[in-house]
Amino acid sequence: MVVGPDQMFWDFGRGGQVVGLDWDVWMEFMAVAKSPESEPLVEEIAMWLGLHRPAKPDSPSTRASNLEAT
């Protein structure tokens, strides 16, 4: 694990799968495939995050939702 004032990188592995769960102030959270075997897992993580991450207050989808509610 690497932790600094503006970043954190932490690798997890099992067998041939290695996934990095990283965060920094520029990119925010990242799931990174560190081996070819871990690509399908990282794709599943990305899909899950896409479904469960709340929209930012100034995003177009939030503005559209706010317009529909009025």
N, C-alpha and C. Protein backbone atom coordinates (compact mmCIF):
# COMPACT_ATOMS: atom_id res chain seq x y z
N MET A 1 0.85 -1.17 0.00
CA MET A 1 0.00 0.00 0.00
C MET A 1 0.90 1.23 0.00
N VAL A 2 0.50 2.21 -0.79
CA VAL A 2 1.18 3.50 -0.83
C VAL A 2 0.15 4.55 -0.46
N VAL A 3 0.47 5.36 0.54
CA VAL A 3 -0.43 6.41 0.97
C VAL A 3 0.35 7.71 1.02
N GLY A 4 -0.18 8.73 0.39
CA GLY A 4 0.42 10.06 0.42
C GLY A 4 -0.68 11.08 0.66
N PRO A 5 -0.33 12.35 0.75
CA PRO A 5 -1.34 13.36 1.04
C PRO A 5 -2.40 13.50 -0.05
N ASP A 6 -2.07 13.14 -1.29
CA ASP A 6 -3.00 13.30 -2.40
C ASP A 6 -3.31 12.00 -3.12
N GLN A 7 -2.92 10.85 -2.53
CA GLN A 7 -3.09 9.59 -3.26
C GLN A 7 -3.06 8.39 -2.33
N MET A 8 -3.66 7.30 -2.82
CA MET A 8 -3.59 6.02 -2.13
C MET A 8 -3.69 4.93 -3.19
N PHE A 9 -2.76 3.99 -3.16
CA PHE A 9 -2.73 2.86 -4.08
C PHE A 9 -2.63 1.59 -3.27
N TRP A 10 -3.54 0.64 -3.51
CA TRP A 10 -3.56 -0.59 -2.74
C TRP A 10 -3.88 -1.74 -3.68
N ASP A 11 -2.96 -2.71 -3.79
CA ASP A 11 -3.14 -3.86 -4.67
C ASP A 11 -3.64 -5.06 -3.89
N PHE A 12 -4.57 -5.78 -4.49
CA PHE A 12 -5.12 -7.01 -3.92
C PHE A 12 -4.96 -8.12 -4.94
N GLY A 13 -4.60 -9.30 -4.48
CA GLY A 13 -4.42 -10.39 -5.42
C GLY A 13 -4.90 -11.72 -4.88
N ARG A 14 -5.29 -12.58 -5.83
CA ARG A 14 -5.66 -13.96 -5.53
C ARG A 14 -5.33 -14.77 -6.77
N GLY A 15 -4.45 -15.72 -6.61
CA GLY A 15 -4.03 -16.50 -7.77
C GLY A 15 -3.39 -15.59 -8.80
N GLY A 16 -3.85 -15.67 -10.03
CA GLY A 16 -3.31 -14.83 -11.10
C GLY A 16 -3.97 -13.48 -11.21
N GLN A 17 -5.01 -13.23 -10.40
CA GLN A 17 -5.72 -11.95 -10.47
C GLN A 17 -5.07 -10.95 -9.52
N VAL A 18 -4.76 -9.77 -10.04
CA VAL A 18 -4.27 -8.66 -9.21
C VAL A 18 -5.04 -7.41 -9.63
N VAL A 19 -5.67 -6.77 -8.65
CA VAL A 19 -6.47 -5.57 -8.89
C VAL A 19 -5.96 -4.47 -7.96
N GLY A 20 -5.75 -3.30 -8.52
CA GLY A 20 -5.39 -2.14 -7.72
C GLY A 20 -6.63 -1.30 -7.46
N LEU A 21 -6.84 -0.96 -6.19
CA LEU A 21 -7.90 -0.01 -5.83
C LEU A 21 -7.18 1.27 -5.45
N ASP A 22 -7.27 2.25 -6.33
CA ASP A 22 -6.46 3.45 -6.21
C ASP A 22 -7.35 4.68 -6.08
N TRP A 23 -6.80 5.72 -5.47
CA TRP A 23 -7.50 7.00 -5.36
C TRP A 23 -6.46 8.11 -5.40
N ASP A 24 -6.76 9.15 -6.13
CA ASP A 24 -5.96 10.38 -6.05
C ASP A 24 -6.89 11.57 -6.28
N VAL A 25 -6.37 12.75 -6.00
CA VAL A 25 -7.21 13.96 -6.07
C VAL A 25 -7.59 14.33 -7.49
N TRP A 26 -6.91 13.81 -8.48
CA TRP A 26 -7.20 14.17 -9.87
C TRP A 26 -8.21 13.22 -10.49
N MET A 27 -8.01 11.90 -10.33
CA MET A 27 -8.86 10.90 -10.97
C MET A 27 -9.93 10.35 -10.03
N GLU A 28 -9.82 10.61 -8.74
CA GLU A 28 -10.69 10.06 -7.71
C GLU A 28 -10.49 8.55 -7.63
N PHE A 29 -11.54 7.74 -7.53
CA PHE A 29 -11.40 6.30 -7.33
C PHE A 29 -11.16 5.59 -8.66
N MET A 30 -10.25 4.61 -8.63
CA MET A 30 -9.96 3.82 -9.82
C MET A 30 -9.81 2.36 -9.43
N ALA A 31 -10.36 1.47 -10.21
CA ALA A 31 -10.08 0.04 -10.11
C ALA A 31 -9.22 -0.30 -11.32
N VAL A 32 -8.03 -0.84 -11.07
CA VAL A 32 -7.05 -1.05 -12.13
C VAL A 32 -6.70 -2.53 -12.23
N ALA A 33 -6.84 -3.10 -13.42
CA ALA A 33 -6.43 -4.49 -13.65
C ALA A 33 -4.91 -4.51 -13.76
N LYS A 34 -4.27 -5.25 -12.88
CA LYS A 34 -2.81 -5.34 -12.89
C LYS A 34 -2.32 -6.61 -13.56
N SER A 35 -3.27 -7.45 -14.00
CA SER A 35 -2.93 -8.68 -14.72
C SER A 35 -4.04 -8.96 -15.73
N PRO A 36 -3.71 -9.66 -16.82
CA PRO A 36 -4.75 -9.97 -17.81
C PRO A 36 -5.91 -10.77 -17.22
N GLU A 37 -5.62 -11.63 -16.25
CA GLU A 37 -6.66 -12.45 -15.63
C GLU A 37 -7.68 -11.62 -14.85
N SER A 38 -7.30 -10.43 -14.43
CA SER A 38 -8.19 -9.61 -13.60
C SER A 38 -9.07 -8.66 -14.42
N GLU A 39 -8.88 -8.61 -15.74
CA GLU A 39 -9.69 -7.71 -16.58
C GLU A 39 -11.20 -7.92 -16.41
N PRO A 40 -11.72 -9.18 -16.47
CA PRO A 40 -13.17 -9.35 -16.30
C PRO A 40 -13.68 -8.86 -14.93
N LEU A 41 -12.90 -9.06 -13.89
CA LEU A 41 -13.30 -8.59 -12.56
C LEU A 41 -13.37 -7.07 -12.53
N VAL A 42 -12.38 -6.40 -13.09
CA VAL A 42 -12.39 -4.94 -13.11
C VAL A 42 -13.56 -4.40 -13.94
N GLU A 43 -13.90 -5.09 -15.02
CA GLU A 43 -15.07 -4.69 -15.80
C GLU A 43 -16.34 -4.81 -14.98
N GLU A 44 -16.46 -5.87 -14.17
CA GLU A 44 -17.63 -6.02 -13.28
C GLU A 44 -17.65 -4.92 -12.22
N ILE A 45 -16.49 -4.59 -11.67
CA ILE A 45 -16.40 -3.51 -10.68
C ILE A 45 -16.86 -2.20 -11.32
N ALA A 46 -16.42 -1.93 -12.55
CA ALA A 46 -16.81 -0.70 -13.25
C ALA A 46 -18.32 -0.64 -13.48
N MET A 47 -18.91 -1.76 -13.88
CA MET A 47 -20.36 -1.77 -14.08
C MET A 47 -21.09 -1.53 -12.77
N TRP A 48 -20.65 -2.16 -11.69
CA TRP A 48 -21.30 -1.97 -10.40
C TRP A 48 -21.18 -0.52 -9.95
N LEU A 49 -19.99 0.05 -10.08
CA LEU A 49 -19.81 1.45 -9.69
C LEU A 49 -20.68 2.38 -10.54
N GLY A 50 -20.79 2.09 -11.82
CA GLY A 50 -21.63 2.90 -12.69
C GLY A 50 -23.09 2.90 -12.28
N LEU A 51 -23.54 1.77 -11.76
CA LEU A 51 -24.94 1.66 -11.32
C LEU A 51 -25.18 2.26 -9.95
N HIS A 52 -24.17 2.31 -9.09
CA HIS A 52 -24.37 2.69 -7.70
C HIS A 52 -23.74 4.02 -7.30
N ARG A 53 -23.01 4.64 -8.20
CA ARG A 53 -22.38 5.91 -7.85
C ARG A 53 -23.38 7.04 -8.06
N PRO A 54 -23.59 7.86 -7.03
CA PRO A 54 -24.54 8.97 -7.21
C PRO A 54 -23.99 10.00 -8.19
N ALA A 55 -24.89 10.64 -8.89
CA ALA A 55 -24.49 11.68 -9.84
C ALA A 55 -23.97 12.89 -9.07
N LYS A 56 -23.02 13.59 -9.66
CA LYS A 56 -22.52 14.82 -9.04
C LYS A 56 -23.61 15.88 -9.17
N PRO A 57 -23.70 16.80 -8.22
CA PRO A 57 -24.77 17.80 -8.24
C PRO A 57 -24.84 18.62 -9.52
N ASP A 58 -23.73 18.85 -10.20
CA ASP A 58 -23.75 19.70 -11.38
C ASP A 58 -23.71 18.90 -12.68
N SER A 59 -23.99 17.59 -12.62
CA SER A 59 -23.94 16.78 -13.83
C SER A 59 -25.21 16.96 -14.66
N PRO A 60 -25.13 16.73 -15.97
CA PRO A 60 -26.33 16.88 -16.82
C PRO A 60 -27.48 15.97 -16.38
N SER A 61 -27.18 14.75 -15.92
CA SER A 61 -28.26 13.85 -15.51
C SER A 61 -28.99 14.38 -14.29
N THR A 62 -28.28 15.02 -13.38
CA THR A 62 -28.93 15.60 -12.20
C THR A 62 -29.78 16.80 -12.60
N ARG A 63 -29.28 17.63 -13.50
CA ARG A 63 -30.08 18.78 -13.94
C ARG A 63 -31.34 18.33 -14.63
N ALA A 64 -31.25 17.27 -15.44
CA ALA A 64 -32.43 16.75 -16.13
C ALA A 64 -33.44 16.22 -15.12
N SER A 65 -32.97 15.51 -14.10
CA SER A 65 -33.86 14.99 -13.08
C SER A 65 -34.55 16.13 -12.32
N ASN A 66 -33.81 17.19 -12.03
CA ASN A 66 -34.38 18.31 -11.32
C ASN A 66 -35.44 19.01 -12.17
N LEU A 67 -35.21 19.11 -13.48
CA LEU A 67 -36.20 19.73 -14.36
C LEU A 67 -37.47 18.90 -14.44
N GLU A 68 -37.32 17.57 -14.47
CA GLU A 68 -38.48 16.68 -14.56
C GLU A 68 -39.31 16.76 -13.27
N ALA A 69 -38.67 17.01 -12.12
CA ALA A 69 -39.36 17.04 -10.85
C ALA A 69 -40.18 18.31 -10.67
N THR A 70 -39.87 19.35 -11.43
CA THR A 70 -40.61 20.62 -11.25
C THR A 70 -41.81 20.72 -12.15
